[in-house]
Amino acid sequence: MTRSTAWRRVDAAATQALLRQGDVLIFDVRDPASFAAGRIGAARHLSEADLERVLFGTRKTQPLLIYCYHGNASQTYAQIFVDFGFTAVYDLIGGYEAWQAFATASTAPLREWLVEQGFPPDDPNAVGQHGMTPLMHACRQGDEARVAALLEAGARVAPLNSDGNNALWLACYGGNLAVIDRLLEAGIAVDHQNDNGATCLMYAASAGKTAVVERLLRAGADPRLKTLDDFTALDLAANLECLQLLRAAMRQGSPP
């Protein structure tokens, strides 16, 4: 690899993909005031004053993303890291300005959808009527793409609506297994009990949603939990398939 191509220049879309990997160290080489006003993800500010400390204090195999205002100064920093033996260095083409333009364009559909649903365009965690959040609405609609966009925009999975249900309950109502998987991957509480003590597993069993019951059990849902009226998901099963799945889970003492 030659000196001029020793690092990889990436556009904003590729940068977003890098951020999703979760192991990239991001350096912002703009002035402190610009950094304080806005940055990319968990970026750290980097200047000539602390460059040596970073160079010697960071493992050489650590993936690095460097950006500046317009993509010029960052190339100089990228070359310095490569010269010091770093093996995975990325430079953002167009800098922070390009990232902002990309972020604005990519979030426009979500902003429009939020307004259509009666929420502020810039708040993925807004609370609407009956305590419903945008994420809950998207889950109820079974809209996987919208759920993914909301989670990426920072939507929280913990909030509850006025019935004490979390977004997973609404996802089970919507019946889209991919949406359920998204929430489970995001760490939503699979065994949350609402104001009546009911869990998502109880709801799915009572509604005869066999595929949902199976998915929840595989995710570790506890079939032994009871409502305030002392009913388990097994007691509430609406069809034979759900009954069989829950009986098997109860026999095993833990979800299959």
Protein backbone atom coordinates (compact mmCIF):
# COMPACT_ATOMS: atom_id res chain seq x y z
CA MET A 1 0.00 0.00 0.00
CA THR A 2 1.50 3.36 -0.99
CA ARG A 3 1.82 6.40 1.24
CA SER A 4 -0.98 8.27 -0.55
CA THR A 5 -3.43 5.39 -0.11
CA ALA A 6 -2.25 4.15 3.28
CA TRP A 7 -5.58 4.99 4.85
CA ARG A 8 -9.09 4.57 3.54
CA ARG A 9 -11.29 7.53 2.68
CA VAL A 10 -14.97 6.84 3.38
CA ASP A 11 -18.14 8.77 2.64
CA ALA A 12 -20.88 9.49 5.19
CA ALA A 13 -22.84 6.33 4.39
CA ALA A 14 -19.78 4.15 4.92
CA THR A 15 -19.07 6.07 8.10
CA GLN A 16 -22.52 5.21 9.39
CA ALA A 17 -21.79 1.54 8.71
CA LEU A 18 -18.53 1.85 10.64
CA LEU A 19 -20.32 3.37 13.61
CA ARG A 20 -22.70 0.41 13.71
CA GLN A 21 -19.73 -1.90 14.27
CA GLY A 22 -19.25 -0.31 17.66
CA ASP A 23 -15.47 -0.80 17.87
CA VAL A 24 -14.30 2.30 15.99
CA LEU A 25 -12.50 5.07 17.87
CA ILE A 26 -13.61 8.44 16.46
CA PHE A 27 -11.42 11.55 16.49
CA ASP A 28 -12.67 15.07 15.78
CA VAL A 29 -9.78 17.37 14.81
CA ARG A 30 -11.77 20.60 14.55
CA ASP A 31 -11.49 23.43 17.06
CA PRO A 32 -12.86 22.85 20.59
CA ALA A 33 -15.86 25.16 20.12
CA SER A 34 -17.03 23.31 16.99
CA PHE A 35 -16.52 19.99 18.74
CA ALA A 36 -18.60 21.17 21.71
CA ALA A 37 -21.37 22.37 19.41
CA GLY A 38 -21.79 19.02 17.67
CA ARG A 39 -19.91 15.83 16.95
CA ILE A 40 -20.26 12.38 15.40
CA GLY A 41 -21.31 9.70 17.85
CA ALA A 42 -18.85 9.23 20.72
CA ALA A 43 -16.09 11.23 19.03
CA ARG A 44 -13.14 12.45 21.07
CA HIS A 45 -11.49 15.78 20.43
CA LEU A 46 -7.95 15.52 19.07
CA SER A 47 -5.39 18.30 18.63
CA GLU A 48 -1.64 18.56 18.18
CA ALA A 49 -1.33 19.07 21.93
CA ASP A 50 -2.52 15.57 22.79
CA LEU A 51 -1.61 13.76 19.57
CA GLU A 52 1.53 12.16 20.97
CA ARG A 53 -0.35 10.77 23.98
CA VAL A 54 -2.96 9.21 21.71
CA LEU A 55 -0.40 7.79 19.29
CA PHE A 56 1.51 6.00 22.04
CA GLY A 57 -1.50 5.14 24.19
CA THR A 58 -3.66 3.45 21.56
CA ARG A 59 -3.16 -0.08 20.23
CA LYS A 60 -2.08 -0.13 16.60
CA THR A 61 -4.89 -2.46 15.51
CA GLN A 62 -7.61 -0.19 16.89
CA PRO A 63 -9.86 0.99 14.01
CA LEU A 64 -9.84 4.81 13.83
CA LEU A 65 -12.12 7.29 12.10
CA ILE A 66 -10.81 10.85 11.76
CA TYR A 67 -12.77 13.86 10.55
CA CYS A 68 -12.39 17.63 10.35
CA TYR A 69 -14.47 20.44 8.87
CA HIS A 70 -14.37 19.57 5.16
CA GLY A 71 -12.06 16.54 4.91
CA ASN A 72 -8.70 18.21 4.42
CA ALA A 73 -6.90 18.45 7.78
CA SER A 74 -8.12 14.98 8.72
CA GLN A 75 -5.97 13.50 5.93
CA THR A 76 -2.84 14.87 7.56
CA TYR A 77 -3.80 13.26 10.87
CA ALA A 78 -4.69 10.00 9.11
CA GLN A 79 -1.24 9.87 7.54
CA ILE A 80 0.42 10.46 10.91
CA PHE A 81 -1.43 7.51 12.41
CA VAL A 82 -0.48 5.30 9.48
CA ASP A 83 3.17 6.39 9.76
CA PHE A 84 3.06 5.27 13.39
CA GLY A 85 1.91 1.80 12.37
CA PHE A 86 -1.86 1.97 12.74
CA THR A 87 -3.49 -0.54 10.42
CA ALA A 88 -7.15 0.51 10.19
CA VAL A 89 -7.42 4.26 9.65
CA TYR A 90 -10.44 5.91 8.02
CA ASP A 91 -10.86 9.51 6.90
CA LEU A 92 -14.31 11.03 6.37
CA ILE A 93 -14.66 12.56 2.91
CA GLY A 94 -16.16 16.02 3.19
CA GLY A 95 -15.74 16.09 6.96
CA TYR A 96 -18.38 17.05 9.48
CA GLU A 97 -20.19 19.18 6.92
CA ALA A 98 -20.79 16.13 4.73
CA TRP A 99 -21.90 14.12 7.76
CA GLN A 100 -24.45 16.75 8.74
CA ALA A 101 -25.88 16.86 5.21
CA PHE A 102 -26.11 13.06 5.14
CA ALA A 103 -27.73 12.89 8.58
CA THR A 104 -30.31 15.52 7.65
CA ALA A 105 -31.23 13.75 4.42
CA SER A 106 -31.36 10.29 5.98
CA THR A 107 -33.59 11.38 8.87
CA ALA A 108 -36.05 13.36 6.74
CA PRO A 109 -38.45 10.41 6.24
CA LEU A 110 -38.43 9.69 9.98
CA ARG A 111 -39.09 13.34 10.79
CA GLU A 112 -42.04 13.38 8.40
CA TRP A 113 -43.42 10.19 9.92
CA LEU A 114 -43.12 11.58 13.45
CA VAL A 115 -45.15 14.64 12.45
CA GLU A 116 -47.76 12.43 10.77
CA GLN A 117 -48.11 10.49 14.01
CA GLY A 118 -48.57 13.69 15.99
CA PHE A 119 -45.08 13.86 17.52
CA PRO A 120 -42.39 16.56 17.39
CA PRO A 121 -40.07 15.95 14.42
CA ASP A 122 -36.90 15.93 16.52
CA ASP A 123 -37.90 13.78 19.50
CA PRO A 124 -37.93 9.98 19.04
CA ASN A 125 -38.82 9.67 22.74
CA ALA A 126 -41.81 12.00 22.78
CA VAL A 127 -44.84 10.83 24.74
CA GLY A 128 -48.27 11.12 23.14
CA GLN A 129 -51.81 10.18 24.01
CA HIS A 130 -52.15 7.26 26.44
CA GLY A 131 -48.42 7.36 27.05
CA MET A 132 -47.63 6.05 23.59
CA THR A 133 -44.17 6.77 22.21
CA PRO A 134 -43.17 6.82 18.53
CA LEU A 135 -41.48 3.45 19.01
CA MET A 136 -44.69 1.97 20.39
CA HIS A 137 -46.64 3.27 17.41
CA ALA A 138 -44.16 1.80 14.93
CA CYS A 139 -44.18 -1.53 16.77
CA ARG A 140 -47.97 -1.64 16.77
CA GLN A 141 -47.91 -0.99 13.02
CA GLY A 142 -45.36 -3.76 12.51
CA ASP A 143 -43.10 -1.30 10.69
CA GLU A 144 -39.62 -2.82 10.95
CA ALA A 145 -37.88 -0.08 8.96
CA ARG A 146 -39.39 2.64 11.15
CA VAL A 147 -38.54 0.74 14.33
CA ALA A 148 -34.94 0.40 13.16
CA ALA A 149 -34.78 4.11 12.31
CA LEU A 150 -36.19 5.09 15.69
CA LEU A 151 -33.77 2.88 17.59
CA GLU A 152 -30.88 4.31 15.60
CA ALA A 153 -32.15 7.82 16.38
CA GLY A 154 -32.00 7.05 20.09
CA ALA A 155 -35.50 5.82 20.91
CA ARG A 156 -35.55 4.16 24.34
CA VAL A 157 -37.12 0.74 24.85
CA ALA A 158 -37.89 1.13 28.57
CA PRO A 159 -40.85 3.60 28.55
CA LEU A 160 -44.33 2.32 29.37
CA ASN A 161 -47.72 3.47 28.12
CA SER A 162 -50.70 4.31 30.34
CA ASP A 163 -51.51 0.59 30.71
CA GLY A 164 -47.99 -0.17 31.88
CA ASN A 165 -47.02 -1.93 28.64
CA ASN A 166 -43.66 -1.53 26.96
CA ALA A 167 -42.98 -1.44 23.22
CA LEU A 168 -42.60 -5.23 23.10
CA TRP A 169 -46.28 -5.63 23.96
CA LEU A 170 -47.19 -3.41 21.01
CA ALA A 171 -44.82 -5.38 18.80
CA CYS A 172 -46.54 -8.61 19.83
CA TYR A 173 -49.86 -6.99 18.94
CA GLY A 174 -48.45 -6.00 15.55
CA GLY A 175 -47.18 -9.54 15.06
CA ASN A 176 -44.05 -8.72 13.05
CA LEU A 177 -41.39 -11.13 14.30
CA ALA A 178 -38.60 -9.01 12.85
CA VAL A 179 -39.79 -6.06 14.95
CA ILE A 180 -39.86 -8.27 18.04
CA ASP A 181 -36.31 -9.38 17.29
CA ARG A 182 -35.19 -5.76 16.93
CA LEU A 183 -36.52 -4.91 20.37
CA LEU A 184 -35.03 -7.99 21.97
CA GLU A 185 -31.64 -7.16 20.44
CA ALA A 186 -31.99 -3.65 21.87
CA GLY A 187 -32.39 -5.14 25.35
CA ILE A 188 -36.09 -4.63 26.03
CA ALA A 189 -37.44 -6.43 29.12
CA VAL A 190 -39.05 -9.61 27.80
CA ASP A 191 -40.72 -10.40 31.15
CA HIS A 192 -42.03 -6.94 31.97
CA GLN A 193 -45.40 -7.15 33.73
CA ASN A 194 -47.99 -4.43 33.11
CA ASP A 195 -50.41 -2.89 35.60
CA ASN A 196 -52.39 -6.15 35.70
CA GLY A 197 -49.31 -8.30 36.04
CA ALA A 198 -49.60 -9.53 32.46
CA THR A 199 -46.52 -10.20 30.34
CA CYS A 200 -46.11 -10.16 26.58
CA LEU A 201 -46.04 -13.95 26.67
CA MET A 202 -49.42 -14.01 28.40
CA TYR A 203 -50.86 -11.63 25.83
CA ALA A 204 -49.52 -13.59 22.89
CA ALA A 205 -50.79 -16.87 24.33
CA SER A 206 -54.24 -15.42 25.01
CA ALA A 207 -54.40 -14.04 21.45
CA GLY A 208 -53.36 -17.37 19.91
CA LYS A 209 -50.22 -15.84 18.38
CA THR A 210 -48.26 -19.08 18.17
CA ALA A 211 -45.23 -17.73 16.31
CA VAL A 212 -44.92 -14.87 18.78
CA VAL A 213 -45.19 -17.24 21.76
CA GLU A 214 -42.43 -19.39 20.30
CA ARG A 215 -40.19 -16.38 19.67
CA LEU A 216 -40.67 -15.03 23.19
CA LEU A 217 -39.94 -18.40 24.77
CA ARG A 218 -36.74 -18.70 22.74
CA ALA A 219 -35.78 -15.26 23.99
CA GLY A 220 -36.11 -16.45 27.59
CA ALA A 221 -39.65 -15.36 28.50
CA ASP A 222 -40.72 -16.96 31.79
CA PRO A 223 -43.96 -19.01 31.42
CA ARG A 224 -44.36 -19.30 35.19
CA LEU A 225 -45.11 -15.65 35.88
CA LYS A 226 -48.64 -14.85 37.03
CA THR A 227 -51.09 -12.00 36.63
CA LEU A 228 -52.62 -10.25 39.61
CA ASP A 229 -55.49 -12.75 39.21
CA ASP A 230 -53.06 -15.66 39.48
CA PHE A 231 -53.14 -16.72 35.80
CA THR A 232 -50.09 -17.92 33.88
CA ALA A 233 -49.58 -17.83 30.12
CA LEU A 234 -50.50 -21.52 30.10
CA ASP A 235 -53.84 -20.77 31.74
CA LEU A 236 -54.55 -18.14 29.08
CA ALA A 237 -53.48 -20.13 25.99
CA ALA A 238 -56.08 -19.71 23.24
CA ASN A 239 -55.07 -22.58 20.95
CA LEU A 240 -53.51 -26.02 21.07
CA GLU A 241 -50.21 -24.92 19.55
CA CYS A 242 -49.62 -22.28 22.23
CA LEU A 243 -50.70 -24.74 24.89
CA GLN A 244 -48.17 -27.30 23.73
CA LEU A 245 -45.33 -24.78 23.56
CA LEU A 246 -46.05 -23.53 27.06
CA ARG A 247 -46.46 -26.98 28.54
CA ALA A 248 -43.09 -27.99 27.12
CA ALA A 249 -41.50 -24.84 28.55
CA MET A 250 -43.05 -25.48 31.96
CA ARG A 251 -41.82 -29.08 31.97
CA GLN A 252 -38.30 -28.00 31.19
CA GLY A 253 -38.38 -25.45 33.95
CA SER A 254 -36.99 -22.87 31.51
CA PRO A 255 -37.80 -21.68 27.99
CA PRO A 256 -36.75 -24.01 25.15
